[in-house]
């Protein structure tokens, strides 16, 4: 592929399509997905997956950093479809769970900083990885090195100033395991040390500008998933979000979705 990668930001139709692909038909929705539908709320994951689905084109070379065992942990159908659609899909991750990934075509057991993509990729994605990066400059240099001219990088991460990341910085790893298991049912092996060194829009702009890349688009995504396992608290989150929107105030917990293009 020689032309600049075409980026399709998710519109209402794309988000609805992703919602149904991920959660199933209306008559089989669980209480959580029904609640989000009734509040007309799409999660940050819905946005990210719709963006990637609209960007990956046949014949594309795609590098996914930090993917572990899944491209999209709750959307195996999309993972299968995009894995078959693209020409080459490389997963880079130092964690042993990479070996369980059924979707990537090639597995590189290491960190992105040390990977030489040799300008062969149209798309580089970091899904919930940026918060773990210890050396942002090296990371972004590696992204730039991997992309061909006209290629794009998609950074999907948490905002450093949101309540949960702020609490995470103060908590020891043992306590994080307990809290994450209670809130989201995750296992200790899926909790990793965090740094939050590239988790604001300004920092991301500066880092990518440092390698000659520019921000193509940026989305701030309300994150109402803290209490997603608890019906009443989940509904409360969604009502608080509606209140914030009515008062034209930002919802405090949110994620960042940035797109950066190599000239």
Foldseek 3Di string as FASTA:
>chain_A
DPAFFDWDQDDPVLLVVLLCQQQNDPVRGDPLSVLCVVLVADALLSRVLSRVLVGQAAAFAEEEEPQQQHVRVRRVVSLQVSLVRYDAYEYEELDPSQVNHPRHPYYHNDHLLPDQLQQRGQEYEYAQCVQADPDLLSNLVSVLRNHHASHKYKYKHWACQFPVNVVVVVDDLVVVQVLCCVQPVDHSSPDDDGDNQQRDPVSVQVSNVVVPKHWPDKDKGAHLRRRSVDNVSSSVSSVVCVVCVVVVHDRRTIMMIIMIGHD
